[in-house]
C-alpha atoms as a PDB file:
ATOM      1  CA  MET A   1    -133.035  60.440  15.945  1.00  0.00           C
ATOM      2  CA  LYS A   2    -134.434  57.062  14.661  1.00  0.00           C
ATOM      3  CA  LYS A   3    -132.737  54.086  16.090  1.00  0.00           C
ATOM      4  CA  SER A   4    -130.868  51.816  13.615  1.00  0.00           C
ATOM      5  CA  LEU A   5    -132.392  48.283  13.327  1.00  0.00           C
ATOM      6  CA  PHE A   6    -128.963  47.168  12.268  1.00  0.00           C
ATOM      7  CA  PRO A   7    -126.311  48.421  14.937  1.00  0.00           C
ATOM      8  CA  CYS A   8    -122.684  48.017  13.802  1.00  0.00           C
ATOM      9  CA  ARG A   9    -119.522  47.972  15.618  1.00  0.00           C
ATOM     10  CA  PRO A  10    -116.518  49.865  14.335  1.00  0.00           C
ATOM     11  CA  ASN A  11    -114.751  49.105  11.314  1.00  0.00           C
ATOM     12  CA  GLU A  12    -117.700  46.692  10.302  1.00  0.00           C
ATOM     13  CA  ILE A  13    -119.638  47.440   6.961  1.00  0.00           C
ATOM     14  CA  ARG A  14    -122.482  49.475   8.001  1.00  0.00           C
ATOM     15  CA  PRO A  15    -125.677  48.090   6.076  1.00  0.00           C
ATOM     16  CA  ASN A  16    -127.788  50.519   3.854  1.00  0.00           C
ATOM     17  CA  GLU A  17    -130.796  51.452   6.242  1.00  0.00           C
ATOM     18  CA  ALA A  18    -133.262  52.060   3.348  1.00  0.00           C
ATOM     19  CA  GLU A  19    -132.465  48.666   1.539  1.00  0.00           C
ATOM     20  CA  ASN A  20    -132.503  46.672   4.836  1.00  0.00           C
ATOM     21  CA  THR A  21    -135.794  48.362   5.814  1.00  0.00           C
ATOM     22  CA  ALA A  22    -137.227  47.399   2.457  1.00  0.00           C
ATOM     23  CA  LEU A  23    -135.848  43.812   3.055  1.00  0.00           C
ATOM     24  CA  TYR A  24    -137.259  43.350   6.576  1.00  0.00           C
ATOM     25  CA  LYS A  25    -140.530  44.296   5.027  1.00  0.00           C
ATOM     26  CA  LYS A  26    -140.153  41.782   2.354  1.00  0.00           C
ATOM     27  CA  LEU A  27    -139.190  38.923   4.834  1.00  0.00           C
ATOM     28  CA  ALA A  28    -141.998  39.689   7.153  1.00  0.00           C
ATOM     29  CA  LYS A  29    -144.598  39.105   4.738  1.00  0.00           C
ATOM     30  CA  LEU A  30    -142.706  35.888   3.757  1.00  0.00           C
ATOM     31  CA  LEU A  31    -142.387  34.934   7.436  1.00  0.00           C
ATOM     32  CA  PRO A  32    -145.189  36.506   9.278  1.00  0.00           C
ATOM     33  CA  GLY A  33    -145.019  36.430  13.089  1.00  0.00           C
ATOM     34  CA  SER A  34    -141.961  34.700  13.196  1.00  0.00           C
ATOM     35  CA  ASN A  35    -138.462  35.429  14.858  1.00  0.00           C
ATOM     36  CA  TYR A  36    -136.674  34.434  11.787  1.00  0.00           C
ATOM     37  CA  VAL A  37    -136.807  37.744   9.839  1.00  0.00           C
ATOM     38  CA  SER A  38    -134.551  39.332  12.478  1.00  0.00           C
ATOM     39  CA  LEU A  39    -132.135  36.095  12.196  1.00  0.00           C
ATOM     40  CA  LEU A  40    -131.883  36.396   8.415  1.00  0.00           C
ATOM     41  CA  LEU A  41    -130.827  40.000   8.669  1.00  0.00           C
ATOM     42  CA  ARG A  42    -128.293  39.335  11.445  1.00  0.00           C
ATOM     43  CA  PHE A  43    -127.125  36.444   9.285  1.00  0.00           C
ATOM     44  CA  THR A  44    -126.856  38.773   6.227  1.00  0.00           C
ATOM     45  CA  ASP A  45    -124.824  41.122   8.118  1.00  0.00           C
ATOM     46  CA  MET A  46    -122.387  38.701   9.602  1.00  0.00           C
ATOM     47  CA  SER A  47    -121.877  37.239   6.220  1.00  0.00           C
ATOM     48  CA  ARG A  48    -120.876  40.727   4.866  1.00  0.00           C
ATOM     49  CA  ASN A  49    -118.297  41.399   7.481  1.00  0.00           C
ATOM     50  CA  VAL A  50    -116.819  37.934   7.771  1.00  0.00           C
ATOM     51  CA  LEU A  51    -116.617  37.375   3.946  1.00  0.00           C
ATOM     52  CA  ARG A  52    -116.149  41.167   3.069  1.00  0.00           C
ATOM     53  CA  GLU A  53    -115.459  41.859  -0.781  1.00  0.00           C
ATOM     54  CA  SER A  54    -115.447  38.384  -1.549  1.00  0.00           C
ATOM     55  CA  LEU A  55    -119.073  38.233  -1.009  1.00  0.00           C
ATOM     56  CA  GLU A  56    -121.205  39.072  -3.866  1.00  0.00           C
ATOM     57  CA  GLY A  57    -124.781  37.596  -2.966  1.00  0.00           C
ATOM     58  CA  ILE A  58    -126.900  35.848  -0.432  1.00  0.00           C
ATOM     59  CA  TYR A  59    -129.975  34.177  -1.894  1.00  0.00           C
ATOM     60  CA  LEU A  60    -133.114  32.728   0.438  1.00  0.00           C
ATOM     61  CA  HIS A  61    -134.701  29.640  -1.278  1.00  0.00           C
ATOM     62  CA  GLY A  62    -136.716  26.729  -0.149  1.00  0.00           C
ATOM     63  CA  SER A  63    -140.117  26.766   1.911  1.00  0.00           C
ATOM     64  CA  ALA A  64    -139.437  30.327   3.212  1.00  0.00           C
ATOM     65  CA  VAL A  65    -139.725  31.729  -0.152  1.00  0.00           C
ATOM     66  CA  MET A  66    -142.551  29.244  -1.331  1.00  0.00           C
ATOM     67  CA  GLY A  67    -145.451  29.921   0.895  1.00  0.00           C
ATOM     68  CA  CYS A  68    -145.137  26.895   3.146  1.00  0.00           C
ATOM     69  CA  PHE A  69    -142.729  27.577   5.826  1.00  0.00           C
ATOM     70  CA  ASN A  70    -143.273  25.509   8.983  1.00  0.00           C
ATOM     71  CA  PRO A  71    -140.904  26.390  11.748  1.00  0.00           C
ATOM     72  CA  GLN A  72    -141.358  22.640  13.094  1.00  0.00           C
ATOM     73  CA  LYS A  73    -140.802  21.114   9.476  1.00  0.00           C
ATOM     74  CA  SER A  74    -138.570  23.557   7.750  1.00  0.00           C
ATOM     75  CA  ASP A  75    -135.108  24.914   7.665  1.00  0.00           C
ATOM     76  CA  LEU A  76    -133.728  28.159   6.391  1.00  0.00           C
ATOM     77  CA  ASP A  77    -132.117  27.672   3.100  1.00  0.00           C
ATOM     78  CA  LEU A  78    -129.316  29.986   1.733  1.00  0.00           C
ATOM     79  CA  ILE A  79    -127.053  30.090  -0.853  1.00  0.00           C
ATOM     80  CA  LEU A  80    -123.973  32.506  -0.764  1.00  0.00           C
ATOM     81  CA  ILE A  81    -122.245  33.655  -3.979  1.00  0.00           C
ATOM     82  CA  THR A  82    -118.542  34.472  -3.831  1.00  0.00           C
ATOM     83  CA  SER A  83    -116.165  36.339  -6.279  1.00  0.00           C
ATOM     84  CA  GLY A  84    -113.681  33.466  -5.747  1.00  0.00           C
ATOM     85  CA  THR A  85    -111.847  31.060  -3.385  1.00  0.00           C
ATOM     86  CA  LEU A  86    -112.281  32.149   0.077  1.00  0.00           C
ATOM     87  CA  PRO A  87    -109.377  32.258   2.577  1.00  0.00           C
ATOM     88  CA  PHE A  88    -109.535  29.520   5.114  1.00  0.00           C
ATOM     89  CA  GLU A  89    -109.408  31.724   7.821  1.00  0.00           C
ATOM     90  CA  ALA A  90    -112.408  33.447   6.654  1.00  0.00           C
ATOM     91  CA  LYS A  91    -114.323  30.395   6.172  1.00  0.00           C
ATOM     92  CA  VAL A  92    -113.521  28.910   9.772  1.00  0.00           C
ATOM     93  CA  ASN A  93    -114.722  32.376  11.159  1.00  0.00           C
ATOM     94  CA  PHE A  94    -117.927  32.008   9.249  1.00  0.00           C
ATOM     95  CA  ILE A  95    -118.778  28.621  10.082  1.00  0.00           C
ATOM     96  CA  LYS A  96    -118.191  29.498  13.700  1.00  0.00           C
ATOM     97  CA  ASN A  97    -120.858  32.507  13.513  1.00  0.00           C
ATOM     98  CA  VAL A  98    -123.336  30.152  11.695  1.00  0.00           C
ATOM     99  CA  ARG A  99    -123.179  27.730  14.300  1.00  0.00           C
ATOM    100  CA  ALA A 100    -123.803  30.287  16.888  1.00  0.00           C
ATOM    101  CA  LEU A 101    -126.854  31.394  14.642  1.00  0.00           C
ATOM    102  CA  ASN A 102    -128.002  28.056  14.041  1.00  0.00           C
ATOM    103  CA  GLU A 103    -129.065  27.689  17.714  1.00  0.00           C
ATOM    104  CA  GLU A 104    -131.743  30.410  16.838  1.00  0.00           C
ATOM    105  CA  ALA A 105    -132.737  28.761  13.817  1.00  0.00           C
ATOM    106  CA  PRO A 106    -136.223  26.719  12.953  1.00  0.00           C
ATOM    107  CA  GLN A 107    -136.205  23.101  14.351  1.00  0.00           C
ATOM    108  CA  LYS A 108    -134.273  22.130  11.039  1.00  0.00           C
ATOM    109  CA  GLY A 109    -131.742  24.601  11.285  1.00  0.00           C
ATOM    110  CA  ILE A 110    -129.786  26.672   8.852  1.00  0.00           C
ATOM    111  CA  GLU A 111    -128.836  24.989   5.649  1.00  0.00           C
ATOM    112  CA  LEU A 112    -126.352  26.799   3.385  1.00  0.00           C
ATOM    113  CA  SER A 113    -123.641  26.378   0.558  1.00  0.00           C
ATOM    114  CA  ILE A 114    -121.120  28.995  -0.447  1.00  0.00           C
ATOM    115  CA  VAL A 115    -120.729  28.797  -4.439  1.00  0.00           C
ATOM    116  CA  GLN A 116    -118.288  30.853  -6.420  1.00  0.00           C
ATOM    117  CA  ARG A 117    -120.199  33.010  -9.033  1.00  0.00           C
ATOM    118  CA  LYS A 118    -118.335  31.563 -12.111  1.00  0.00           C
ATOM    119  CA  PHE A 119    -119.943  28.275 -11.473  1.00  0.00           C
ATOM    120  CA  CYS A 120    -123.420  29.848 -11.619  1.00  0.00           C
ATOM    121  CA  ARG A 121    -123.909  31.427 -15.026  1.00  0.00           C
ATOM    122  CA  PRO A 122    -123.425  29.394 -17.096  1.00  0.00           C
ATOM    123  CA  PHE A 123    -124.502  27.007 -14.663  1.00  0.00           C
ATOM    124  CA  VAL A 124    -122.115  24.008 -13.972  1.00  0.00           C
ATOM    125  CA  TYR A 125    -123.271  20.516 -12.990  1.00  0.00           C
ATOM    126  CA  PRO A 126    -122.399  18.980 -10.827  1.00  0.00           C
ATOM    127  CA  THR A 127    -121.912  22.241  -8.935  1.00  0.00           C
ATOM    128  CA  PRO A 128    -118.617  22.860  -6.961  1.00  0.00           C
ATOM    129  CA  PHE A 129    -119.087  24.528  -3.613  1.00  0.00           C
ATOM    130  CA  GLU A 130    -116.686  26.125  -1.397  1.00  0.00           C
ATOM    131  CA  LEU A 131    -118.560  25.305   1.855  1.00  0.00           C
ATOM    132  CA  HIS A 132    -121.601  23.659   3.084  1.00  0.00           C
ATOM    133  CA  PHE A 133    -123.282  23.571   6.516  1.00  0.00           C
ATOM    134  CA  SER A 134    -126.443  21.820   7.812  1.00  0.00           C
ATOM    135  CA  PRO A 135    -127.473  20.595  11.152  1.00  0.00           C
ATOM    136  CA  ALA A 136    -126.585  17.189   9.931  1.00  0.00           C
ATOM    137  CA  HIS A 137    -123.102  18.055  10.230  1.00  0.00           C
ATOM    138  CA  LEU A 138    -123.324  19.832  13.707  1.00  0.00           C
ATOM    139  CA  GLY A 139    -121.343  17.228  15.515  1.00  0.00           C
ATOM    140  CA  PRO A 140    -117.935  17.549  13.232  1.00  0.00           C
ATOM    141  CA  CYS A 141    -118.509  21.322  12.961  1.00  0.00           C
ATOM    142  CA  GLN A 142    -118.456  22.040  16.671  1.00  0.00           C
ATOM    143  CA  LYS A 143    -115.599  19.166  17.504  1.00  0.00           C
ATOM    144  CA  ASP A 144    -112.980  20.748  15.144  1.00  0.00           C
ATOM    145  CA  PRO A 145    -114.222  23.640  12.939  1.00  0.00           C
ATOM    146  CA  GLU A 146    -110.758  23.955  11.298  1.00  0.00           C
ATOM    147  CA  GLU A 147    -110.956  20.045  10.185  1.00  0.00           C
ATOM    148  CA  TYR A 148    -114.563  20.624   9.288  1.00  0.00           C
ATOM    149  CA  VAL A 149    -113.871  23.519   7.003  1.00  0.00           C
ATOM    150  CA  LYS A 150    -110.797  21.683   5.543  1.00  0.00           C
ATOM    151  CA  ASN A 151    -112.901  18.745   4.315  1.00  0.00           C
ATOM    152  CA  MET A 152    -116.294  20.227   3.573  1.00  0.00           C
ATOM    153  CA  HIS A 153    -115.993  21.216  -0.304  1.00  0.00           C
ATOM    154  CA  GLY A 154    -116.491  19.458  -3.492  1.00  0.00           C
ATOM    155  CA  THR A 155    -119.352  18.983  -5.788  1.00  0.00           C
ATOM    156  CA  ASP A 156    -123.081  18.661  -4.706  1.00  0.00           C
ATOM    157  CA  LYS A 157    -125.862  17.641  -7.361  1.00  0.00           C
ATOM    158  CA  ASP A 158    -128.538  19.020  -5.051  1.00  0.00           C
ATOM    159  CA  LEU A 159    -127.405  22.486  -6.098  1.00  0.00           C
ATOM    160  CA  ALA A 160    -129.081  22.058  -9.489  1.00  0.00           C
ATOM    161  CA  ALA A 161    -132.406  21.649  -7.520  1.00  0.00           C
ATOM    162  CA  HIS A 162    -131.776  24.506  -5.275  1.00  0.00           C
ATOM    163  CA  PHE A 163    -130.627  26.982  -8.153  1.00  0.00           C
ATOM    164  CA  MET A 164    -133.982  25.906  -9.953  1.00  0.00           C
ATOM    165  CA  ILE A 165    -135.858  26.983  -6.945  1.00  0.00           C
ATOM    166  CA  ILE A 166    -133.844  30.379  -6.806  1.00  0.00           C
ATOM    167  CA  SER A 167    -134.530  31.073 -10.352  1.00  0.00           C
ATOM    168  CA  ARG A 168    -138.135  30.944  -9.921  1.00  0.00           C
ATOM    169  CA  TYR A 169    -138.830  31.804  -6.275  1.00  0.00           C
ATOM    170  CA  GLY A 170    -135.422  33.280  -4.613  1.00  0.00           C
ATOM    171  CA  VAL A 171    -134.966  36.319  -2.912  1.00  0.00           C
ATOM    172  CA  PRO A 172    -131.979  38.417  -2.533  1.00  0.00           C
ATOM    173  CA  LEU A 173    -130.975  39.094   0.872  1.00  0.00           C
ATOM    174  CA  PHE A 174    -127.755  40.917  -0.424  1.00  0.00           C
ATOM    175  CA  GLY A 175    -126.491  41.199  -3.875  1.00  0.00           C
ATOM    176  CA  PRO A 176    -127.742  41.391  -7.404  1.00  0.00           C
ATOM    177  CA  PRO A 177    -131.107  40.349  -8.777  1.00  0.00           C
ATOM    178  CA  VAL A 178    -131.299  36.647  -9.260  1.00  0.00           C
ATOM    179  CA  PRO A 179    -131.163  36.688 -13.235  1.00  0.00           C
ATOM    180  CA  GLN A 180    -127.824  38.571 -13.239  1.00  0.00           C
ATOM    181  CA  VAL A 181    -126.335  35.743 -11.038  1.00  0.00           C
ATOM    182  CA  PHE A 182    -127.700  32.556 -11.906  1.00  0.00           C
ATOM    183  CA  GLY A 183    -128.065  31.114 -15.384  1.00  0.00           C
ATOM    184  CA  ALA A 184    -130.748  28.591 -16.696  1.00  0.00           C
ATOM    185  CA  VAL A 185    -130.509  25.048 -15.050  1.00  0.00           C
ATOM    186  CA  PRO A 186    -130.824  22.406 -17.870  1.00  0.00           C
ATOM    187  CA  ARG A 187    -133.795  20.134 -17.717  1.00  0.00           C
ATOM    188  CA  GLU A 188    -131.366  16.884 -17.438  1.00  0.00           C
ATOM    189  CA  ALA A 189    -129.275  18.507 -14.639  1.00  0.00           C
ATOM    190  CA  TYR A 190    -132.411  19.445 -12.597  1.00  0.00           C
ATOM    191  CA  LEU A 191    -134.056  16.074 -13.241  1.00  0.00           C
ATOM    192  CA  ASP A 192    -131.016  14.173 -12.131  1.00  0.00           C
ATOM    193  CA  SER A 193    -130.753  16.211  -9.034  1.00  0.00           C
ATOM    194  CA  ILE A 194    -134.580  15.711  -7.973  1.00  0.00           C
ATOM    195  CA  LEU A 195    -134.731  11.752  -8.831  1.00  0.00           C
ATOM    196  CA  LEU A 196    -131.480  11.115  -6.746  1.00  0.00           C
ATOM    197  CA  ASP A 197    -134.136  12.243  -3.886  1.00  0.00           C
ATOM    198  CA  VAL A 198    -136.525   9.335  -4.728  1.00  0.00           C
ATOM    199  CA  GLU A 199    -134.207   6.665  -5.711  1.00  0.00           C
ATOM    200  CA  ASN A 200    -134.878   4.808  -2.402  1.00  0.00           C
ATOM    201  CA  ALA A 201    -138.733   5.907  -2.306  1.00  0.00           C
ATOM    202  CA  LEU A 202    -139.870   2.373  -1.677  1.00  0.00           C
ATOM    203  CA  GLU A 203    -137.742   2.245   1.591  1.00  0.00           C
ATOM    204  CA  GLU A 204    -138.361   5.703   2.358  1.00  0.00           C
ATOM    205  CA  ILE A 205    -141.990   5.904   2.137  1.00  0.00           C
ATOM    206  CA  CYS A 206    -142.101   3.694   5.254  1.00  0.00           C
ATOM    207  CA  HIS A 207    -139.827   5.557   7.265  1.00  0.00           C
ATOM    208  CA  THR A 208    -140.536   9.157   5.989  1.00  0.00           C
ATOM    209  CA  PRO A 209    -143.858   8.941   4.462  1.00  0.00           C
ATOM    210  CA  VAL A 210    -144.718  12.864   4.486  1.00  0.00           C
ATOM    211  CA  TYR A 211    -141.558  13.858   2.881  1.00  0.00           C
ATOM    212  CA  THR A 212    -141.333  10.936   0.281  1.00  0.00           C
ATOM    213  CA  ALA A 213    -145.015  11.277  -0.470  1.00  0.00           C
ATOM    214  CA  LEU A 214    -145.120  14.996  -1.205  1.00  0.00           C
ATOM    215  CA  ASN A 215    -141.594  14.868  -3.045  1.00  0.00           C
ATOM    216  CA  LEU A 216    -143.068  12.081  -5.283  1.00  0.00           C
ATOM    217  CA  CYS A 217    -145.900  14.484  -6.392  1.00  0.00           C
ATOM    218  CA  ARG A 218    -143.775  17.478  -7.145  1.00  0.00           C
ATOM    219  CA  ILE A 219    -141.429  15.561  -9.432  1.00  0.00           C
ATOM    220  CA  LEU A 220    -144.547  14.147 -11.331  1.00  0.00           C
ATOM    221  CA  ALA A 221    -145.812  17.627 -11.449  1.00  0.00           C
ATOM    222  CA  TYR A 222    -142.570  18.987 -13.086  1.00  0.00           C
ATOM    223  CA  LEU A 223    -142.401  16.189 -15.553  1.00  0.00           C
ATOM    224  CA  ARG A 224    -145.924  16.576 -16.600  1.00  0.00           C
ATOM    225  CA  GLU A 225    -146.462  20.006 -16.390  1.00  0.00           C
ATOM    226  CA  ASP A 226    -143.097  21.574 -15.932  1.00  0.00           C
ATOM    227  CA  LEU A 227    -144.079  22.900 -12.372  1.00  0.00           C
ATOM    228  CA  VAL A 228    -141.466  23.785  -9.826  1.00  0.00           C
ATOM    229  CA  LEU A 229    -143.394  23.145  -6.682  1.00  0.00           C
ATOM    230  CA  SER A 230    -142.914  23.051  -2.902  1.00  0.00           C
ATOM    231  CA  LYS A 231    -143.865  19.914  -1.128  1.00  0.00           C
ATOM    232  CA  LYS A 232    -147.187  21.445   0.036  1.00  0.00           C
ATOM    233  CA  ALA A 233    -148.054  22.561  -3.578  1.00  0.00           C
ATOM    234  CA  GLY A 234    -146.974  19.169  -4.833  1.00  0.00           C
ATOM    235  CA  GLY A 235    -149.222  17.570  -2.684  1.00  0.00           C
ATOM    236  CA  GLN A 236    -151.939  19.942  -3.535  1.00  0.00           C
ATOM    237  CA  TRP A 237    -151.325  19.188  -7.308  1.00  0.00           C
ATOM    238  CA  GLY A 238    -151.661  15.446  -6.583  1.00  0.00           C
ATOM    239  CA  LEU A 239    -154.987  15.850  -4.788  1.00  0.00           C
ATOM    240  CA  ARG A 240    -156.323  17.496  -8.325  1.00  0.00           C
ATOM    241  CA  THR A 241    -154.412  15.327 -10.593  1.00  0.00           C
ATOM    242  CA  LEU A 242    -153.820  11.757  -9.200  1.00  0.00           C
ATOM    243  CA  PRO A 243    -156.453   8.914  -8.866  1.00  0.00           C
ATOM    244  CA  GLU A 244    -159.050   9.639  -6.371  1.00  0.00           C
ATOM    245  CA  THR A 245    -157.974   6.122  -4.387  1.00  0.00           C
ATOM    246  CA  PHE A 246    -154.936   8.369  -3.088  1.00  0.00           C
ATOM    247  CA  GLY A 247    -156.986  11.161  -2.022  1.00  0.00           C
ATOM    248  CA  ASP A 248    -157.389  10.378   1.675  1.00  0.00           C
ATOM    249  CA  PHE A 249    -153.499   9.298   1.852  1.00  0.00           C
ATOM    250  CA  LEU A 250    -152.581  12.628   0.407  1.00  0.00           C
ATOM    251  CA  GLN A 251    -154.893  14.545   2.465  1.00  0.00           C
ATOM    252  CA  ASP A 252    -153.312  12.998   5.507  1.00  0.00           C
ATOM    253  CA  MET A 253    -149.805  13.947   4.217  1.00  0.00           C
ATOM    254  CA  LEU A 254    -150.720  17.436   3.843  1.00  0.00           C
ATOM    255  CA  LEU A 255    -152.213  17.541   7.373  1.00  0.00           C
ATOM    256  CA  CYS A 256    -149.272  16.025   8.816  1.00  0.00           C
ATOM    257  CA  TYR A 257    -146.829  18.495   6.978  1.00  0.00           C
ATOM    258  CA  GLY A 258    -148.893  21.667   7.731  1.00  0.00           C
ATOM    259  CA  SER A 259    -149.410  20.956  11.553  1.00  0.00           C
ATOM    260  CA  GLY A 260    -145.649  19.769  12.152  1.00  0.00           C
ATOM    261  CA  GLU A 261    -146.946  16.812  13.912  1.00  0.00           C
ATOM    262  CA  ASP A 262    -145.648  13.533  13.236  1.00  0.00           C
ATOM    263  CA  THR A 263    -148.162  11.692  15.477  1.00  0.00           C
ATOM    264  CA  LEU A 264    -151.185  12.180  13.410  1.00  0.00           C
ATOM    265  CA  PRO A 265    -152.755   8.947  11.725  1.00  0.00           C
ATOM    266  CA  ILE A 266    -150.493   7.664   9.033  1.00  0.00           C
ATOM    267  CA  ALA A 267    -151.780   5.129   6.488  1.00  0.00           C
ATOM    268  CA  ASP A 268    -150.684   1.412   6.649  1.00  0.00           C
ATOM    269  CA  GLN A 269    -147.496   0.092   5.109  1.00  0.00           C
ATOM    270  CA  GLU A 270    -149.363  -1.424   2.019  1.00  0.00           C
ATOM    271  CA  THR A 271    -151.280   1.968   1.378  1.00  0.00           C
ATOM    272  CA  LYS A 272    -147.857   3.797   1.652  1.00  0.00           C
ATOM    273  CA  MET A 273    -145.970   1.163  -0.591  1.00  0.00           C
ATOM    274  CA  GLY A 274    -148.989   1.129  -3.333  1.00  0.00           C
ATOM    275  CA  PHE A 275    -148.736   5.002  -3.390  1.00  0.00           C
ATOM    276  CA  ALA A 276    -144.770   5.027  -3.813  1.00  0.00           C
ATOM    277  CA  GLU A 277    -145.000   1.965  -6.551  1.00  0.00           C
ATOM    278  CA  TYR A 278    -147.503   3.862  -8.523  1.00  0.00           C
ATOM    279  CA  MET A 279    -145.911   7.246  -8.508  1.00  0.00           C
ATOM    280  CA  LEU A 280    -142.549   5.709  -9.351  1.00  0.00           C
ATOM    281  CA  ALA A 281    -144.110   3.951 -12.440  1.00  0.00           C
ATOM    282  CA  GLN A 282    -145.705   7.325 -13.590  1.00  0.00           C
ATOM    283  CA  ILE A 283    -142.325   9.154 -13.104  1.00  0.00           C
ATOM    284  CA  HIS A 284    -140.413   6.622 -15.188  1.00  0.00           C
ATOM    285  CA  LYS A 285    -143.212   6.447 -17.881  1.00  0.00           C
ATOM    286  CA  SER A 286    -142.988  10.457 -18.073  1.00  0.00           C
ATOM    287  CA  LEU A 287    -139.177  10.555 -18.523  1.00  0.00           C
END
């Protein structure tokens, strides 16, 4: 008898073996040679058992589905969709399980939000969320998970960008196909969301040059060509499209991003500031 990939304890939801085998193969293509396929499948199994009938879908987005996942630079980005408000006890149980699974995640960890389905189609902006987790909040989550859950809800403008990525690249780990759950994200909402990421670009280019430079590229690519790109693809677009004077700088940024190293030679402050100033001017000109 073939051993199940997904053993269950009594009273747990038993995954459909055929569906999970197909999902395993799909994720293995997206994340070849990594241990994170198993982690995502166990995360899905845990979420279904903890959130039960309230859970309507789990959707993977971000670098994992956009062809540029790097364990040293990337996180695992997830959106969970529920039918309504979750019981407090279920949220506490869920966050404790996520905290444990996060120990097996890439260097930047798991980042997720739980959103009620009624806010997805039609899309509501700013988007209300039931619960959020990322390693940035790991301290409070570990110290007092009940207090963390009590306070971790509200609205999040970043969800417009996440939903746009899901609409174009998202992979369902569980639940209906993306178009049945996620409505169109209005251009105005998406722009407002992504522009928040670069509102302090002149300062951030000095401290986080790779993230800031590649992010500026993908924002300009959207404004000029309606392209929704990863950071890596944004940098490649910049190499093809922007003035040649920025070529060496962008190649360095892409090399650093792809290698996962922060110690590669980085341009001087004048070059970084000049790039950010040029890009911000082009972005504002394109609005």
